[in-house]
C-alpha atoms as a PDB file:
ATOM      1  CA  MET A   1      99.838 105.378  34.091  1.00  0.00           C
ATOM      2  CA  SER A   2     102.121 103.545  36.372  1.00  0.00           C
ATOM      3  CA  TYR A   3     101.048 103.212  39.990  1.00  0.00           C
ATOM      4  CA  MET A   4     104.075 103.548  42.473  1.00  0.00           C
ATOM      5  CA  GLY A   5     102.650 101.365  45.573  1.00  0.00           C
ATOM      6  CA  THR A   6     103.763 101.349  49.343  1.00  0.00           C
ATOM      7  CA  ARG A   7     105.252  98.263  50.640  1.00  0.00           C
ATOM      8  CA  THR A   8     104.817  97.906  54.330  1.00  0.00           C
ATOM      9  CA  SER A   9     106.515  95.313  56.152  1.00  0.00           C
ATOM     10  CA  VAL A  10     105.770  94.758  59.493  1.00  0.00           C
ATOM     11  CA  GLN A  11     108.367  92.974  62.029  1.00  0.00           C
ATOM     12  CA  GLU A  12     107.003  91.471  65.129  1.00  0.00           C
ATOM     13  CA  LYS A  13     109.702  91.568  68.446  1.00  0.00           C
ATOM     14  CA  THR A  14     109.433  88.817  71.250  1.00  0.00           C
ATOM     15  CA  GLU A  15     110.616  89.500  73.894  1.00  0.00           C
ATOM     16  CA  VAL A  16     110.729  85.885  76.190  1.00  0.00           C
ATOM     17  CA  LEU A  17     111.714  86.742  80.016  1.00  0.00           C
ATOM     18  CA  VAL A  18     112.855  82.941  81.205  1.00  0.00           C
ATOM     19  CA  GLU A  19     112.535  82.441  84.573  1.00  0.00           C
ATOM     20  CA  THR A  20     115.195  80.764  86.285  1.00  0.00           C
ATOM     21  CA  GLU A  21     116.605  79.488  89.589  1.00  0.00           C
ATOM     22  CA  GLU A  22     119.567  81.866  91.037  1.00  0.00           C
ATOM     23  CA  GLN A  23     122.593  79.635  90.768  1.00  0.00           C
ATOM     24  CA  TYR A  24     124.978  80.124  93.433  1.00  0.00           C
ATOM     25  CA  PRO A  25     128.377  79.241  93.461  1.00  0.00           C
ATOM     26  CA  PHE A  26     128.785  77.562  97.001  1.00  0.00           C
ATOM     27  CA  SER A  27     126.479  75.189  99.005  1.00  0.00           C
ATOM     28  CA  LEU A  28     126.581  74.592 102.721  1.00  0.00           C
ATOM     29  CA  VAL A  29     126.635  70.739 102.861  1.00  0.00           C
ATOM     30  CA  VAL A  30     126.340  69.260 106.325  1.00  0.00           C
ATOM     31  CA  TRP A  31     126.552  65.484 107.081  1.00  0.00           C
ATOM     32  CA  ASN A  32     124.736  62.662 109.171  1.00  0.00           C
ATOM     33  CA  ASP A  33     126.739  61.503 111.945  1.00  0.00           C
ATOM     34  CA  ASP A  34     126.372  59.180 114.966  1.00  0.00           C
ATOM     35  CA  VAL A  35     127.282  61.553 117.559  1.00  0.00           C
ATOM     36  CA  ASN A  36     124.653  64.598 117.035  1.00  0.00           C
ATOM     37  CA  THR A  37     120.925  64.672 118.380  1.00  0.00           C
ATOM     38  CA  PHE A  38     118.565  66.452 116.087  1.00  0.00           C
ATOM     39  CA  ASP A  39     117.756  69.005 118.590  1.00  0.00           C
ATOM     40  CA  TRP A  40     121.135  70.021 118.708  1.00  0.00           C
ATOM     41  CA  VAL A  41     121.073  70.258 114.630  1.00  0.00           C
ATOM     42  CA  ILE A  42     117.811  72.230 114.452  1.00  0.00           C
ATOM     43  CA  GLN A  43     119.479  74.804 117.096  1.00  0.00           C
ATOM     44  CA  SER A  44     122.318  74.631 114.938  1.00  0.00           C
ATOM     45  CA  LEU A  45     121.039  75.677 111.682  1.00  0.00           C
ATOM     46  CA  MET A  46     118.417  77.963 113.455  1.00  0.00           C
ATOM     47  CA  GLU A  47     121.637  79.887 114.982  1.00  0.00           C
ATOM     48  CA  VAL A  48     124.370  79.717 112.501  1.00  0.00           C
ATOM     49  CA  CYS A  49     122.040  79.498 109.086  1.00  0.00           C
ATOM     50  CA  GLY A  50     119.217  81.575 110.469  1.00  0.00           C
ATOM     51  CA  HIS A  51     117.180  79.183 109.323  1.00  0.00           C
ATOM     52  CA  THR A  52     113.150  79.054 110.817  1.00  0.00           C
ATOM     53  CA  GLU A  53     112.200  76.009 113.142  1.00  0.00           C
ATOM     54  CA  GLN A  54     110.519  74.270 110.155  1.00  0.00           C
ATOM     55  CA  GLN A  55     113.312  74.357 108.009  1.00  0.00           C
ATOM     56  CA  ALA A  56     115.989  73.400 110.214  1.00  0.00           C
ATOM     57  CA  GLU A  57     114.151  70.544 111.109  1.00  0.00           C
ATOM     58  CA  GLN A  58     113.666  69.506 107.528  1.00  0.00           C
ATOM     59  CA  CYS A  59     116.780  69.606 106.784  1.00  0.00           C
ATOM     60  CA  ALA A  60     117.677  67.684 110.013  1.00  0.00           C
ATOM     61  CA  LEU A  61     115.196  65.272 108.778  1.00  0.00           C
ATOM     62  CA  ILE A  62     117.065  64.855 105.388  1.00  0.00           C
ATOM     63  CA  ILE A  63     120.906  64.921 106.417  1.00  0.00           C
ATOM     64  CA  HIS A  64     119.426  62.161 108.746  1.00  0.00           C
ATOM     65  CA  HIS A  65     117.531  59.967 105.567  1.00  0.00           C
ATOM     66  CA  ASN A  66     120.076  61.018 102.471  1.00  0.00           C
ATOM     67  CA  GLY A  67     123.176  61.359 104.701  1.00  0.00           C
ATOM     68  CA  LYS A  68     124.311  65.074 103.903  1.00  0.00           C
ATOM     69  CA  TYR A  69     122.064  68.225 102.579  1.00  0.00           C
ATOM     70  CA  ALA A  70     122.648  71.363 100.971  1.00  0.00           C
ATOM     71  CA  VAL A  71     121.430  73.314 103.764  1.00  0.00           C
ATOM     72  CA  LYS A  72     122.599  76.938 102.913  1.00  0.00           C
ATOM     73  CA  GLU A  73     124.086  78.167  99.018  1.00  0.00           C
ATOM     74  CA  GLY A  74     125.878  81.305  98.575  1.00  0.00           C
ATOM     75  CA  GLU A  75     128.508  82.889  98.414  1.00  0.00           C
ATOM     76  CA  TYR A  76     131.932  81.539  99.656  1.00  0.00           C
ATOM     77  CA  THR A  77     132.583  84.473 101.872  1.00  0.00           C
ATOM     78  CA  ASP A  78     129.357  84.103 103.371  1.00  0.00           C
ATOM     79  CA  LEU A  79     128.772  80.545 103.592  1.00  0.00           C
ATOM     80  CA  LYS A  80     132.238  80.390 104.946  1.00  0.00           C
ATOM     81  CA  PRO A  81     131.920  81.212 108.896  1.00  0.00           C
ATOM     82  CA  MET A  82     128.606  79.697 108.859  1.00  0.00           C
ATOM     83  CA  LEU A  83     131.082  76.186 107.899  1.00  0.00           C
ATOM     84  CA  GLU A  84     133.343  77.264 111.018  1.00  0.00           C
ATOM     85  CA  ALA A  85     130.254  77.536 113.614  1.00  0.00           C
ATOM     86  CA  LEU A  86     128.631  74.931 112.946  1.00  0.00           C
ATOM     87  CA  LEU A  87     132.846  72.755 112.857  1.00  0.00           C
ATOM     88  CA  GLU A  88     132.804  74.494 115.958  1.00  0.00           C
ATOM     89  CA  ARG A  89     129.733  72.713 117.653  1.00  0.00           C
ATOM     90  CA  GLY A  90     130.786  69.513 116.614  1.00  0.00           C
ATOM     91  CA  ILE A  91     128.732  69.107 113.579  1.00  0.00           C
ATOM     92  CA  SER A  92     130.041  67.794 110.129  1.00  0.00           C
ATOM     93  CA  ALA A  93     130.291  70.164 107.078  1.00  0.00           C
ATOM     94  CA  THR A  94     131.917  70.977 104.070  1.00  0.00           C
ATOM     95  CA  LEU A  95     132.006  73.551 101.641  1.00  0.00           C
ATOM     96  CA  GLU A  96     131.251  72.296  97.859  1.00  0.00           C
ATOM     97  CA  GLU A  97     130.799  74.119  94.685  1.00  0.00           C
ATOM     98  CA  THR A  98     127.629  73.641  93.053  1.00  0.00           C
ATOM     99  CA  VAL A  99     128.013  72.464  89.666  1.00  0.00           C
ATOM    100  CA  ALA A 100     126.112  74.050  87.092  1.00  0.00           C
ATOM    101  CA  SER A 101     122.908  72.022  85.648  1.00  0.00           C
END
């Protein structure tokens, strides 16, 4: 008598969720200068970029020590009005394309 065995194959499917930081295409960079005071830069970052006082203070310190800092990241169309508002206030700023890492 022959025996017909049943062969069972089990495949496990593993789903991997990778947590990544959201990559924005542009950065609003504020540059250090010898003209604007800390208070003016902090006030401007709060009013123009929507930063809290603590965020704005930290940005101002980084700008002072490093010479520049990307204070906001996002889409060009969202950052362009912020750039123009900072420039109108006499604050040196640029929009830079974010480099993918």
